[in-house]
């Protein structure tokens, strides 16, 4: 049976790096490359980061019900094609979906058994710094992304796991543990010491176990919102 993993995060949270590293470590894991109507940025390649398609083609796919989920973000359309789930099921592999909060809610409605993971930045200042270092966006876009991040973070309680990406190595270990722990629980075979360690590391990212750590992060975004920005 295919396990579907949903990973969401505000832009600039380091999600892509974590996903890439996890895919190198965890075998038997397919990755759904989203479709989008926005133009490529930097060194992005069609079929690697996204499938870049004209809006007319995207809308035709919507009419044909070819998406598991789709949404309009910053004036561009994004969507996850159903074919990736069909292919994963045929090959007996698991599927990793890199999608935003809107898309995650749609997927959970259609696939309630999907495992959802929210990647949280350490705080608002660090997120803003990461967005600026990318040098991909104008100031107006950066500020808009920060506002959107605040709104997305408000949805954290809807996710099964919360991963604070402050130290890359530890975050990679945590994400890998979550993916493997869900497999162990599905198999029903997890008696070794290594299995116990993996399950414990994953449980540490459960909302009930990380809620206290999240409070200063949430406060940093709430303070910025009430003060009108930086």
N, C-alpha and C. Protein backbone atom coordinates (compact mmCIF):
# COMPACT_ATOMS: atom_id res chain seq x y z
N UNK A 1 0.84 -1.20 0.00
CA UNK A 1 0.00 0.00 0.00
C UNK A 1 0.88 1.25 0.00
N UNK A 2 0.56 2.19 -0.84
CA UNK A 2 1.34 3.43 -0.96
C UNK A 2 0.99 4.41 0.15
N UNK A 3 2.01 4.90 0.83
CA UNK A 3 1.82 5.97 1.81
C UNK A 3 2.10 7.30 1.12
N UNK A 4 1.18 8.24 1.28
CA UNK A 4 1.36 9.58 0.71
C UNK A 4 1.79 10.53 1.82
N UNK A 5 2.92 11.19 1.59
CA UNK A 5 3.44 12.17 2.54
C UNK A 5 3.23 13.57 1.95
N UNK A 6 2.63 14.44 2.74
CA UNK A 6 2.44 15.84 2.34
C UNK A 6 3.44 16.69 3.11
N UNK A 7 4.21 17.50 2.40
CA UNK A 7 5.13 18.42 3.06
C UNK A 7 4.81 19.84 2.64
N UNK A 8 4.56 20.70 3.63
CA UNK A 8 4.26 22.11 3.36
C UNK A 8 5.19 22.99 4.19
N UNK A 9 5.42 24.19 3.70
CA UNK A 9 6.27 25.15 4.43
C UNK A 9 6.16 26.51 3.77
N UNK A 10 6.33 27.58 4.53
CA UNK A 10 6.41 28.90 3.91
C UNK A 10 7.61 28.98 2.97
N UNK A 11 7.50 29.79 1.94
CA UNK A 11 8.60 30.00 1.02
C UNK A 11 9.82 30.50 1.78
N UNK A 12 10.99 29.84 1.55
CA UNK A 12 12.21 30.25 2.21
C UNK A 12 12.53 29.45 3.46
N UNK A 13 11.70 28.45 3.78
CA UNK A 13 11.91 27.66 4.99
C UNK A 13 12.93 26.56 4.83
N UNK A 14 13.42 26.34 3.62
CA UNK A 14 14.41 25.29 3.38
C UNK A 14 13.81 23.95 3.05
N UNK A 15 12.55 23.97 2.68
CA UNK A 15 11.84 22.72 2.38
C UNK A 15 12.49 21.94 1.24
N UNK A 16 12.84 22.61 0.17
CA UNK A 16 13.40 21.91 -1.00
C UNK A 16 14.69 21.18 -0.65
N UNK A 17 15.55 21.82 0.13
CA UNK A 17 16.81 21.19 0.55
C UNK A 17 16.54 19.94 1.38
N UNK A 18 15.62 20.04 2.32
CA UNK A 18 15.29 18.90 3.17
C UNK A 18 14.71 17.74 2.36
N UNK A 19 13.82 18.08 1.44
CA UNK A 19 13.20 17.04 0.61
C UNK A 19 14.26 16.35 -0.24
N UNK A 20 15.14 17.12 -0.85
CA UNK A 20 16.20 16.53 -1.69
C UNK A 20 17.07 15.59 -0.88
N UNK A 21 17.46 15.99 0.32
CA UNK A 21 18.32 15.15 1.16
C UNK A 21 17.59 13.89 1.61
N UNK A 22 16.33 14.04 1.98
CA UNK A 22 15.55 12.88 2.43
C UNK A 22 15.39 11.86 1.32
N UNK A 23 15.22 12.35 0.10
CA UNK A 23 15.06 11.44 -1.03
C UNK A 23 16.34 10.67 -1.33
N UNK A 24 17.49 11.26 -0.98
CA UNK A 24 18.76 10.56 -1.17
C UNK A 24 18.91 9.42 -0.15
N UNK A 25 18.29 9.59 1.01
CA UNK A 25 18.46 8.63 2.11
C UNK A 25 17.38 7.55 2.11
N UNK A 26 16.15 7.95 1.85
CA UNK A 26 15.01 7.02 1.94
C UNK A 26 14.72 6.43 0.57
N UNK A 27 14.83 5.14 0.45
CA UNK A 27 14.57 4.47 -0.84
C UNK A 27 13.06 4.22 -1.02
N UNK A 28 12.70 3.87 -2.25
CA UNK A 28 11.31 3.54 -2.54
C UNK A 28 10.36 4.70 -2.37
N UNK A 29 10.86 5.89 -2.68
CA UNK A 29 10.07 7.11 -2.47
C UNK A 29 9.99 7.91 -3.76
N UNK A 30 8.80 7.98 -4.32
CA UNK A 30 8.59 8.81 -5.51
C UNK A 30 8.30 10.24 -5.10
N UNK A 31 8.56 11.16 -6.02
CA UNK A 31 8.35 12.58 -5.74
C UNK A 31 7.48 13.18 -6.83
N UNK A 32 6.45 13.88 -6.42
CA UNK A 32 5.55 14.52 -7.38
C UNK A 32 6.05 15.91 -7.72
N UNK A 33 6.41 16.11 -8.97
CA UNK A 33 6.82 17.43 -9.45
C UNK A 33 5.56 18.19 -9.86
N UNK A 34 5.32 19.32 -9.23
CA UNK A 34 4.10 20.08 -9.48
C UNK A 34 4.13 20.78 -10.84
N UNK A 35 2.94 21.05 -11.34
CA UNK A 35 2.77 21.87 -12.54
C UNK A 35 2.54 23.32 -12.10
N UNK A 36 3.05 24.26 -12.88
CA UNK A 36 2.83 25.67 -12.57
C UNK A 36 2.79 26.50 -13.84
N UNK A 37 2.08 27.62 -13.73
CA UNK A 37 2.02 28.56 -14.86
C UNK A 37 3.04 29.68 -14.72
N UNK A 38 3.80 29.70 -13.60
CA UNK A 38 4.79 30.77 -13.46
C UNK A 38 6.04 30.44 -14.28
N UNK A 39 6.80 31.47 -14.66
CA UNK A 39 8.04 31.22 -15.42
C UNK A 39 9.13 30.65 -14.54
N UNK A 40 10.12 29.96 -15.11
CA UNK A 40 11.24 29.42 -14.33
C UNK A 40 12.05 30.55 -13.70
N UNK A 41 12.67 30.25 -12.55
CA UNK A 41 13.55 31.20 -11.89
C UNK A 41 14.96 30.63 -11.84
N UNK A 42 15.95 31.48 -11.99
CA UNK A 42 17.33 31.06 -11.85
C UNK A 42 17.68 29.87 -12.72
N UNK A 43 18.17 28.80 -12.08
CA UNK A 43 18.59 27.59 -12.80
C UNK A 43 17.52 26.52 -12.85
N UNK A 44 16.29 26.86 -12.56
CA UNK A 44 15.21 25.87 -12.58
C UNK A 44 15.05 25.26 -13.97
N UNK A 45 14.76 23.97 -13.99
CA UNK A 45 14.60 23.25 -15.25
C UNK A 45 13.22 22.60 -15.31
N UNK A 46 12.63 22.61 -16.48
CA UNK A 46 11.33 21.99 -16.66
C UNK A 46 11.41 20.49 -16.36
N UNK A 47 10.51 20.02 -15.50
CA UNK A 47 10.49 18.61 -15.14
C UNK A 47 11.33 18.29 -13.93
N UNK A 48 12.14 19.24 -13.44
CA UNK A 48 12.95 19.01 -12.24
C UNK A 48 12.30 19.70 -11.05
N UNK A 49 12.30 21.04 -11.03
CA UNK A 49 11.62 21.76 -9.95
C UNK A 49 10.10 21.78 -10.16
N UNK A 50 9.71 22.07 -11.40
CA UNK A 50 8.29 22.13 -11.78
C UNK A 50 8.15 21.72 -13.24
N UNK A 51 6.91 21.44 -13.63
CA UNK A 51 6.55 21.39 -15.04
C UNK A 51 5.97 22.77 -15.36
N UNK A 52 6.66 23.54 -16.17
CA UNK A 52 6.23 24.89 -16.50
C UNK A 52 5.34 24.83 -17.74
N UNK A 53 4.08 25.21 -17.57
CA UNK A 53 3.12 25.10 -18.67
C UNK A 53 2.35 26.41 -18.83
N UNK A 54 1.84 26.69 -20.03
CA UNK A 54 1.01 27.88 -20.22
C UNK A 54 -0.30 27.74 -19.43
N UNK A 55 -0.89 28.85 -19.08
CA UNK A 55 -2.14 28.82 -18.32
C UNK A 55 -3.23 28.05 -19.07
N UNK A 56 -3.25 28.17 -20.40
CA UNK A 56 -4.27 27.46 -21.18
C UNK A 56 -4.16 25.95 -21.00
N UNK A 57 -2.91 25.44 -20.96
CA UNK A 57 -2.71 24.00 -20.76
C UNK A 57 -3.09 23.59 -19.34
N UNK A 58 -2.75 24.43 -18.38
CA UNK A 58 -3.10 24.14 -16.99
C UNK A 58 -4.62 24.08 -16.83
N UNK A 59 -5.31 25.05 -17.40
CA UNK A 59 -6.77 25.09 -17.29
C UNK A 59 -7.42 23.90 -17.98
N UNK A 60 -6.81 23.43 -19.08
CA UNK A 60 -7.32 22.24 -19.76
C UNK A 60 -7.19 21.02 -18.86
N UNK A 61 -6.07 20.93 -18.11
CA UNK A 61 -5.87 19.82 -17.18
C UNK A 61 -6.89 19.87 -16.04
N UNK A 62 -7.23 21.08 -15.60
CA UNK A 62 -8.25 21.23 -14.55
C UNK A 62 -9.59 20.70 -15.07
N UNK A 63 -9.95 21.08 -16.28
CA UNK A 63 -11.23 20.65 -16.85
C UNK A 63 -11.30 19.13 -16.99
N UNK A 64 -10.15 18.51 -17.25
CA UNK A 64 -10.10 17.05 -17.40
C UNK A 64 -9.95 16.33 -16.06
N UNK A 65 -9.95 17.10 -14.97
CA UNK A 65 -9.82 16.54 -13.62
C UNK A 65 -8.51 15.75 -13.47
N UNK A 66 -7.43 16.31 -13.99
CA UNK A 66 -6.14 15.62 -13.94
C UNK A 66 -5.32 15.97 -12.70
N UNK A 67 -5.86 16.84 -11.83
CA UNK A 67 -5.12 17.24 -10.64
C UNK A 67 -5.73 16.66 -9.37
N UNK A 68 -4.87 16.21 -8.45
CA UNK A 68 -5.31 15.86 -7.11
C UNK A 68 -5.67 17.12 -6.34
N UNK A 69 -4.91 18.16 -6.60
CA UNK A 69 -5.16 19.47 -5.99
C UNK A 69 -4.57 20.53 -6.89
N UNK A 70 -5.14 21.73 -6.80
CA UNK A 70 -4.56 22.87 -7.53
C UNK A 70 -4.99 24.15 -6.84
N UNK A 71 -4.18 25.18 -7.01
CA UNK A 71 -4.46 26.45 -6.34
C UNK A 71 -3.81 27.59 -7.09
N UNK A 72 -4.30 28.79 -6.83
CA UNK A 72 -3.72 30.01 -7.37
C UNK A 72 -2.92 30.68 -6.26
N UNK A 73 -1.62 30.87 -6.48
CA UNK A 73 -0.73 31.46 -5.48
C UNK A 73 0.04 32.61 -6.12
N UNK A 74 -0.12 33.82 -5.59
CA UNK A 74 0.56 35.00 -6.13
C UNK A 74 0.28 35.17 -7.62
N UNK A 75 -0.93 34.84 -8.06
CA UNK A 75 -1.30 35.06 -9.45
C UNK A 75 -0.86 33.97 -10.41
N UNK A 76 -0.22 32.91 -9.90
CA UNK A 76 0.19 31.78 -10.73
C UNK A 76 -0.49 30.51 -10.23
N UNK A 77 -0.76 29.60 -11.14
CA UNK A 77 -1.43 28.35 -10.79
C UNK A 77 -0.41 27.25 -10.49
N UNK A 78 -0.73 26.43 -9.50
CA UNK A 78 0.09 25.29 -9.13
C UNK A 78 -0.81 24.08 -8.96
N UNK A 79 -0.34 22.90 -9.35
CA UNK A 79 -1.17 21.71 -9.21
C UNK A 79 -0.37 20.43 -9.15
N UNK A 80 -0.95 19.42 -8.48
CA UNK A 80 -0.34 18.09 -8.36
C UNK A 80 -1.12 17.12 -9.23
N UNK A 81 -0.48 16.54 -10.21
CA UNK A 81 -1.15 15.64 -11.15
C UNK A 81 -1.47 14.30 -10.51
N UNK A 82 -2.65 13.76 -10.82
CA UNK A 82 -3.07 12.46 -10.29
C UNK A 82 -2.15 11.33 -10.74
N UNK A 83 -1.53 11.51 -11.90
CA UNK A 83 -0.75 10.41 -12.48
C UNK A 83 0.39 9.96 -11.57
N UNK A 84 0.91 10.87 -10.75
CA UNK A 84 2.01 10.49 -9.86
C UNK A 84 1.55 9.48 -8.81
N UNK A 85 0.34 9.65 -8.31
CA UNK A 85 -0.19 8.69 -7.33
C UNK A 85 -0.44 7.35 -7.99
N UNK A 86 -1.01 7.37 -9.20
CA UNK A 86 -1.26 6.10 -9.91
C UNK A 86 0.06 5.36 -10.16
N UNK A 87 1.08 6.09 -10.58
CA UNK A 87 2.38 5.47 -10.87
C UNK A 87 3.01 4.88 -9.61
N UNK A 88 2.91 5.60 -8.48
CA UNK A 88 3.47 5.11 -7.22
C UNK A 88 2.74 3.84 -6.77
N UNK A 89 1.43 3.83 -6.91
CA UNK A 89 0.65 2.66 -6.51
C UNK A 89 1.00 1.45 -7.37
N UNK A 90 1.20 1.67 -8.66
CA UNK A 90 1.54 0.55 -9.55
C UNK A 90 2.91 -0.03 -9.22
N UNK A 91 3.84 0.83 -8.82
CA UNK A 91 5.21 0.37 -8.54
C UNK A 91 5.43 -0.05 -7.10
N UNK A 92 4.41 0.13 -6.24
CA UNK A 92 4.54 -0.23 -4.84
C UNK A 92 5.44 0.69 -4.06
N UNK A 93 5.56 1.93 -4.49
CA UNK A 93 6.42 2.91 -3.81
C UNK A 93 5.57 3.92 -3.07
N UNK A 94 6.19 4.66 -2.16
CA UNK A 94 5.51 5.74 -1.46
C UNK A 94 5.65 7.02 -2.27
N UNK A 95 4.81 8.01 -1.94
CA UNK A 95 4.78 9.25 -2.72
C UNK A 95 4.91 10.46 -1.81
N UNK A 96 5.83 11.34 -2.17
CA UNK A 96 6.07 12.57 -1.43
C UNK A 96 5.53 13.75 -2.22
N UNK A 97 4.64 14.52 -1.60
CA UNK A 97 4.04 15.68 -2.24
C UNK A 97 4.55 16.96 -1.58
N UNK A 98 5.14 17.83 -2.34
CA UNK A 98 5.64 19.12 -1.88
C UNK A 98 4.61 20.17 -2.28
N UNK A 99 3.69 20.51 -1.37
CA UNK A 99 2.59 21.40 -1.73
C UNK A 99 2.29 22.40 -0.61
N UNK A 100 1.59 23.48 -0.98
CA UNK A 100 1.30 24.53 -0.01
C UNK A 100 0.10 24.15 0.86
N UNK A 101 -0.24 25.06 1.77
CA UNK A 101 -1.31 24.80 2.74
C UNK A 101 -2.65 24.56 2.04
N UNK A 102 -2.94 25.36 1.01
CA UNK A 102 -4.20 25.17 0.28
C UNK A 102 -4.28 23.77 -0.32
N UNK A 103 -3.20 23.37 -0.98
CA UNK A 103 -3.17 22.06 -1.62
C UNK A 103 -3.22 20.93 -0.60
N UNK A 104 -2.53 21.12 0.53
CA UNK A 104 -2.51 20.09 1.57
C UNK A 104 -3.91 19.81 2.10
N UNK A 105 -4.69 20.86 2.26
CA UNK A 105 -6.06 20.69 2.76
C UNK A 105 -6.91 19.91 1.76
N UNK A 106 -6.70 20.17 0.47
CA UNK A 106 -7.44 19.44 -0.56
C UNK A 106 -7.05 17.96 -0.55
N UNK A 107 -5.74 17.69 -0.42
CA UNK A 107 -5.26 16.31 -0.42
C UNK A 107 -5.80 15.56 0.80
N UNK A 108 -5.76 16.18 1.97
CA UNK A 108 -6.24 15.51 3.19
C UNK A 108 -7.72 15.21 3.10
N UNK A 109 -8.46 16.05 2.38
CA UNK A 109 -9.88 15.80 2.20
C UNK A 109 -10.10 14.56 1.33
N UNK A 110 -9.27 14.43 0.28
CA UNK A 110 -9.41 13.29 -0.63
C UNK A 110 -8.71 12.04 -0.11
N UNK A 111 -7.58 12.24 0.60
CA UNK A 111 -6.78 11.13 1.12
C UNK A 111 -6.53 11.35 2.61
N UNK A 112 -7.54 11.11 3.45
CA UNK A 112 -7.39 11.40 4.88
C UNK A 112 -6.29 10.61 5.57
N UNK A 113 -5.87 9.49 4.97
CA UNK A 113 -4.81 8.68 5.57
C UNK A 113 -3.41 9.22 5.25
N UNK A 114 -3.32 10.26 4.40
CA UNK A 114 -2.02 10.84 4.05
C UNK A 114 -1.35 11.42 5.30
N UNK A 115 -0.02 11.33 5.33
CA UNK A 115 0.76 11.82 6.47
C UNK A 115 1.23 13.24 6.15
N UNK A 116 0.89 14.21 7.01
CA UNK A 116 1.21 15.61 6.71
C UNK A 116 2.31 16.13 7.63
N UNK A 117 3.23 16.88 7.02
CA UNK A 117 4.40 17.42 7.73
C UNK A 117 4.52 18.90 7.40
N UNK A 118 4.60 19.73 8.43
CA UNK A 118 4.77 21.17 8.22
C UNK A 118 6.17 21.57 8.67
N UNK A 119 6.92 22.21 7.78
CA UNK A 119 8.27 22.66 8.10
C UNK A 119 8.21 24.13 8.52
N UNK A 120 8.65 24.38 9.74
CA UNK A 120 8.54 25.70 10.34
C UNK A 120 9.91 26.40 10.34
N UNK A 121 9.98 27.68 9.95
CA UNK A 121 11.25 28.41 10.09
C UNK A 121 11.51 28.70 11.56
N UNK A 122 12.78 28.93 11.94
CA UNK A 122 13.10 29.18 13.36
C UNK A 122 12.42 30.43 13.92
N UNK A 123 12.27 31.46 13.11
CA UNK A 123 11.50 32.65 13.48
C UNK A 123 11.36 33.54 12.24
N UNK A 124 10.64 34.63 12.39
CA UNK A 124 10.35 35.48 11.23
C UNK A 124 11.60 36.16 10.69
N UNK A 125 12.49 36.62 11.58
CA UNK A 125 13.69 37.32 11.12
C UNK A 125 14.57 36.41 10.27
N UNK A 126 14.71 35.16 10.69
CA UNK A 126 15.53 34.22 9.94
C UNK A 126 14.89 33.91 8.59
N UNK A 127 13.56 33.79 8.58
CA UNK A 127 12.87 33.55 7.31
C UNK A 127 13.09 34.72 6.36
N UNK A 128 12.96 35.93 6.85
CA UNK A 128 13.18 37.11 6.01
C UNK A 128 14.61 37.13 5.48
N UNK A 129 15.58 36.81 6.32
CA UNK A 129 16.99 36.77 5.90
C UNK A 129 17.19 35.74 4.79
N UNK A 130 16.57 34.57 4.93
CA UNK A 130 16.71 33.54 3.90
C UNK A 130 16.10 33.99 2.57
N UNK A 131 14.96 34.65 2.64
CA UNK A 131 14.33 35.14 1.42
C UNK A 131 15.22 36.17 0.73
N UNK A 132 15.86 37.03 1.49
CA UNK A 132 16.72 38.06 0.91
C UNK A 132 17.99 37.45 0.30
N UNK A 133 18.53 36.43 0.95
CA UNK A 133 19.75 35.80 0.44
C UNK A 133 19.53 35.08 -0.88
N UNK A 134 18.30 34.66 -1.14
CA UNK A 134 18.02 33.97 -2.41
C UNK A 134 18.14 34.92 -3.59
N UNK A 135 17.92 36.22 -3.35
CA UNK A 135 18.02 37.25 -4.40
C UNK A 135 17.14 36.94 -5.61
N UNK A 136 16.01 36.31 -5.35
CA UNK A 136 15.11 35.95 -6.45
C UNK A 136 13.94 36.93 -6.59
N UNK A 137 13.66 37.65 -5.50
CA UNK A 137 12.43 38.43 -5.46
C UNK A 137 12.69 39.91 -5.16
N UNK A 138 11.82 40.74 -5.68
CA UNK A 138 11.85 42.17 -5.36
C UNK A 138 11.35 42.37 -3.94
N UNK A 139 11.61 43.55 -3.37
CA UNK A 139 11.22 43.84 -1.99
C UNK A 139 9.72 43.64 -1.78
N UNK A 140 8.92 44.08 -2.71
CA UNK A 140 7.47 43.94 -2.60
C UNK A 140 7.07 42.47 -2.49
N UNK A 141 7.73 41.62 -3.27
CA UNK A 141 7.42 40.19 -3.26
C UNK A 141 7.86 39.56 -1.94
N UNK A 142 9.02 39.96 -1.43
CA UNK A 142 9.51 39.45 -0.15
C UNK A 142 8.51 39.76 0.96
N UNK A 143 8.04 41.01 1.01
CA UNK A 143 7.07 41.39 2.04
C UNK A 143 5.77 40.60 1.89
N UNK A 144 5.36 40.37 0.67
CA UNK A 144 4.14 39.60 0.43
C UNK A 144 4.32 38.15 0.88
N UNK A 145 5.50 37.60 0.64
CA UNK A 145 5.78 36.23 1.07
C UNK A 145 5.79 36.12 2.60
N UNK A 146 6.27 37.15 3.27
CA UNK A 146 6.28 37.13 4.73
C UNK A 146 4.85 37.18 5.29
N UNK A 147 4.01 37.98 4.67
CA UNK A 147 2.60 38.03 5.08
C UNK A 147 1.94 36.67 4.86
N UNK A 148 2.21 36.08 3.69
CA UNK A 148 1.66 34.77 3.38
C UNK A 148 2.17 33.72 4.35
N UNK A 149 3.46 33.81 4.71
CA UNK A 149 4.04 32.86 5.67
C UNK A 149 3.29 32.91 7.00
N UNK A 150 2.96 34.10 7.45
CA UNK A 150 2.22 34.24 8.71
C UNK A 150 0.88 33.53 8.63
N UNK A 151 0.22 33.66 7.49
CA UNK A 151 -1.09 33.01 7.31
C UNK A 151 -0.95 31.49 7.23
N UNK A 152 0.10 31.04 6.53
CA UNK A 152 0.30 29.60 6.40
C UNK A 152 0.62 28.96 7.75
N UNK A 153 1.44 29.64 8.53
CA UNK A 153 1.84 29.11 9.83
C UNK A 153 0.64 28.96 10.76
N UNK A 154 -0.37 29.76 10.58
CA UNK A 154 -1.59 29.65 11.39
C UNK A 154 -2.26 28.28 11.23
N UNK A 155 -1.91 27.56 10.17
CA UNK A 155 -2.52 26.27 9.89
C UNK A 155 -1.72 25.09 10.45
N UNK A 156 -0.70 25.38 11.25
CA UNK A 156 0.22 24.31 11.67
C UNK A 156 -0.49 23.19 12.42
N UNK A 157 -1.56 23.50 13.15
CA UNK A 157 -2.23 22.48 13.95
C UNK A 157 -2.97 21.44 13.11
N UNK A 158 -3.11 21.69 11.82
CA UNK A 158 -3.78 20.74 10.93
C UNK A 158 -2.84 19.62 10.48
N UNK A 159 -1.55 19.74 10.82
CA UNK A 159 -0.55 18.78 10.34
C UNK A 159 -0.22 17.75 11.41
N UNK A 160 0.18 16.56 10.94
CA UNK A 160 0.52 15.47 11.86
C UNK A 160 1.85 15.71 12.56
N UNK A 161 2.79 16.26 11.82
CA UNK A 161 4.14 16.50 12.35
C UNK A 161 4.54 17.94 12.08
N UNK A 162 5.32 18.51 13.01
CA UNK A 162 5.89 19.85 12.84
C UNK A 162 7.41 19.73 12.97
N UNK A 163 8.13 20.23 11.97
CA UNK A 163 9.59 20.13 11.97
C UNK A 163 10.15 21.55 11.89
N UNK A 164 10.86 21.96 12.95
CA UNK A 164 11.48 23.30 12.98
C UNK A 164 12.85 23.19 12.31
N UNK A 165 13.01 23.87 11.18
CA UNK A 165 14.25 23.76 10.41
C UNK A 165 15.25 24.84 10.83
N UNK A 166 15.91 24.59 11.97
CA UNK A 166 16.93 25.54 12.43
C UNK A 166 18.34 25.01 12.22
N UNK A 167 18.54 23.70 12.38
CA UNK A 167 19.84 23.08 12.12
C UNK A 167 19.66 22.03 11.04
N UNK A 168 20.30 22.22 9.90
CA UNK A 168 20.04 21.40 8.72
C UNK A 168 20.23 19.91 8.99
N UNK A 169 21.35 19.51 9.58
CA UNK A 169 21.62 18.09 9.81
C UNK A 169 20.54 17.45 10.68
N UNK A 170 20.16 18.15 11.75
CA UNK A 170 19.14 17.62 12.64
C UNK A 170 17.77 17.56 11.94
N UNK A 171 17.50 18.55 11.10
CA UNK A 171 16.22 18.57 10.39
C UNK A 171 16.13 17.43 9.38
N UNK A 172 17.25 17.14 8.72
CA UNK A 172 17.29 16.01 7.77
C UNK A 172 17.03 14.71 8.51
N UNK A 173 17.67 14.54 9.66
CA UNK A 173 17.48 13.34 10.47
C UNK A 173 16.02 13.21 10.91
N UNK A 174 15.43 14.32 11.31
CA UNK A 174 14.04 14.29 11.79
C UNK A 174 13.08 13.94 10.66
N UNK A 175 13.27 14.56 9.50
CA UNK A 175 12.38 14.28 8.37
C UNK A 175 12.53 12.82 7.95
N UNK A 176 13.75 12.35 7.87
CA UNK A 176 13.99 10.95 7.51
C UNK A 176 13.32 10.01 8.52
N UNK A 177 13.43 10.35 9.80
CA UNK A 177 12.81 9.52 10.85
C UNK A 177 11.30 9.46 10.69
N UNK A 178 10.69 10.59 10.35
CA UNK A 178 9.24 10.60 10.16
C UNK A 178 8.83 9.68 9.01
N UNK A 179 9.53 9.80 7.90
CA UNK A 179 9.20 8.97 6.74
C UNK A 179 9.36 7.48 7.07
N UNK A 180 10.45 7.13 7.74
CA UNK A 180 10.72 5.73 8.05
C UNK A 180 9.80 5.21 9.17
N UNK A 181 9.49 6.08 10.13
CA UNK A 181 8.61 5.66 11.24
C UNK A 181 7.23 5.29 10.72
N UNK A 182 6.72 6.06 9.79
CA UNK A 182 5.40 5.75 9.23
C UNK A 182 5.42 4.41 8.50
N UNK A 183 6.53 4.10 7.85
CA UNK A 183 6.66 2.79 7.21
C UNK A 183 6.70 1.68 8.24
N UNK A 184 7.44 1.90 9.33
CA UNK A 184 7.53 0.90 10.37
C UNK A 184 6.16 0.61 10.98
N UNK A 185 5.40 1.67 11.24
CA UNK A 185 4.07 1.49 11.82
C UNK A 185 3.15 0.75 10.85
N UNK A 186 3.30 1.05 9.58
CA UNK A 186 2.48 0.37 8.57
C UNK A 186 2.83 -1.10 8.48
N UNK A 187 4.11 -1.43 8.61
CA UNK A 187 4.55 -2.82 8.49
C UNK A 187 4.22 -3.63 9.74
N UNK A 188 4.14 -2.95 10.89
CA UNK A 188 3.88 -3.64 12.13
C UNK A 188 5.10 -4.35 12.69
N UNK A 189 6.24 -4.18 12.04
CA UNK A 189 7.48 -4.82 12.47
C UNK A 189 8.48 -3.74 12.87
N UNK A 190 8.67 -3.56 14.16
CA UNK A 190 9.62 -2.53 14.62
C UNK A 190 10.13 -2.89 16.02
N UNK A 191 10.86 -3.98 16.08
CA UNK A 191 11.33 -4.48 17.36
C UNK A 191 12.77 -4.17 17.69
N UNK A 192 13.54 -3.67 16.73
CA UNK A 192 14.96 -3.44 16.98
C UNK A 192 15.19 -2.12 17.71
N UNK A 193 16.40 -1.96 18.23
CA UNK A 193 16.77 -0.72 18.92
C UNK A 193 16.78 0.45 17.94
N UNK A 194 17.24 0.21 16.72
CA UNK A 194 17.24 1.26 15.70
C UNK A 194 15.82 1.70 15.37
N UNK A 195 14.92 0.72 15.28
CA UNK A 195 13.52 1.05 15.01
C UNK A 195 12.94 1.91 16.13
N UNK A 196 13.24 1.55 17.35
CA UNK A 196 12.74 2.30 18.50
C UNK A 196 13.26 3.74 18.49
N UNK A 197 14.53 3.90 18.11
CA UNK A 197 15.12 5.23 18.03
C UNK A 197 14.45 6.07 16.94
N UNK A 198 14.18 5.44 15.80
CA UNK A 198 13.51 6.13 14.69
C UNK A 198 12.12 6.57 15.10
N UNK A 199 11.37 5.67 15.74
CA UNK A 199 10.01 6.00 16.17
C UNK A 199 10.02 7.12 17.21
N UNK A 200 10.98 7.09 18.12
CA UNK A 200 11.07 8.12 19.16
C UNK A 200 11.40 9.48 18.56
N UNK A 201 12.33 9.49 17.59
CA UNK A 201 12.70 10.76 16.95
C UNK A 201 11.51 11.36 16.20
N UNK A 202 10.76 10.50 15.52
CA UNK A 202 9.57 10.98 14.80
C UNK A 202 8.52 11.51 15.78
N UNK A 203 8.30 10.79 16.88
CA UNK A 203 7.31 11.23 17.87
C UNK A 203 7.66 12.58 18.46
N UNK A 204 8.95 12.88 18.51
CA UNK A 204 9.38 14.18 19.02
C UNK A 204 8.89 15.35 18.18
N UNK A 205 8.49 15.05 16.94
CA UNK A 205 7.98 16.08 16.04
C UNK A 205 6.46 16.15 16.02
N UNK A 206 5.80 15.31 16.81
CA UNK A 206 4.35 15.39 16.92
C UNK A 206 3.97 16.72 17.58
N UNK A 207 2.84 17.26 17.16
CA UNK A 207 2.41 18.56 17.68
C UNK A 207 2.37 18.58 19.20
N UNK A 208 1.85 17.52 19.80
CA UNK A 208 1.72 17.48 21.26
C UNK A 208 3.07 17.53 21.96
N UNK A 209 4.13 17.10 21.26
CA UNK A 209 5.45 17.05 21.87
C UNK A 209 6.33 18.26 21.53
N UNK A 210 5.88 19.09 20.61
CA UNK A 210 6.71 20.21 20.17
C UNK A 210 6.01 21.56 20.38
N UNK A 211 4.81 21.51 20.93
CA UNK A 211 4.00 22.74 21.07
C UNK A 211 4.74 23.84 21.83
N UNK A 212 5.40 23.48 22.91
CA UNK A 212 6.09 24.50 23.72
C UNK A 212 7.20 25.18 22.92
N UNK A 213 7.92 24.40 22.11
CA UNK A 213 9.01 24.95 21.31
C UNK A 213 8.49 25.92 20.25
N UNK A 214 7.26 25.73 19.83
CA UNK A 214 6.70 26.56 18.77
C UNK A 214 6.28 27.94 19.24
N UNK A 215 6.07 28.10 20.54
CA UNK A 215 5.48 29.36 21.03
C UNK A 215 6.30 30.60 20.67
N UNK A 216 7.63 30.62 20.86
CA UNK A 216 8.39 31.83 20.47
C UNK A 216 8.40 32.06 18.96
N UNK A 217 8.33 30.98 18.18
CA UNK A 217 8.29 31.12 16.71
C UNK A 217 6.98 31.79 16.30
N UNK A 218 5.89 31.28 16.84
CA UNK A 218 4.58 31.85 16.53
C UNK A 218 4.50 33.30 17.00
N UNK A 219 5.09 33.58 18.15
CA UNK A 219 5.08 34.95 18.69
C UNK A 219 5.84 35.91 17.79
N UNK A 220 6.94 35.44 17.15
CA UNK A 220 7.72 36.32 16.28
C UNK A 220 6.91 36.77 15.08
N UNK A 221 6.05 35.91 14.59
CA UNK A 221 5.21 36.28 13.45
C UNK A 221 4.03 37.15 13.91
N UNK A 222 3.48 36.85 15.06
CA UNK A 222 2.36 37.63 15.59
C UNK A 222 2.79 39.05 15.92
N UNK A 223 3.99 39.19 16.50
CA UNK A 223 4.52 40.51 16.83
C UNK A 223 4.74 41.35 15.59
N UNK A 224 5.28 40.74 14.54
CA UNK A 224 5.51 41.45 13.28
C UNK A 224 4.20 41.89 12.66
N UNK A 225 3.18 41.05 12.77
CA UNK A 225 1.87 41.38 12.18
C UNK A 225 1.24 42.56 12.89
N UNK A 226 1.33 42.61 14.23
CA UNK A 226 0.72 43.70 14.98
C UNK A 226 1.49 45.00 14.86
N UNK A 227 2.81 44.89 14.57
CA UNK A 227 3.63 46.10 14.43
C UNK A 227 3.68 46.61 12.99
N UNK A 228 3.05 45.85 12.07
CA UNK A 228 2.97 46.30 10.70
C UNK A 228 4.17 45.97 9.85
N UNK A 229 4.97 44.94 10.24
CA UNK A 229 6.10 44.58 9.38
C UNK A 229 7.33 44.27 10.21
N UNK A 230 8.50 44.72 9.71
CA UNK A 230 9.76 44.39 10.38
C UNK A 230 9.94 45.18 11.67
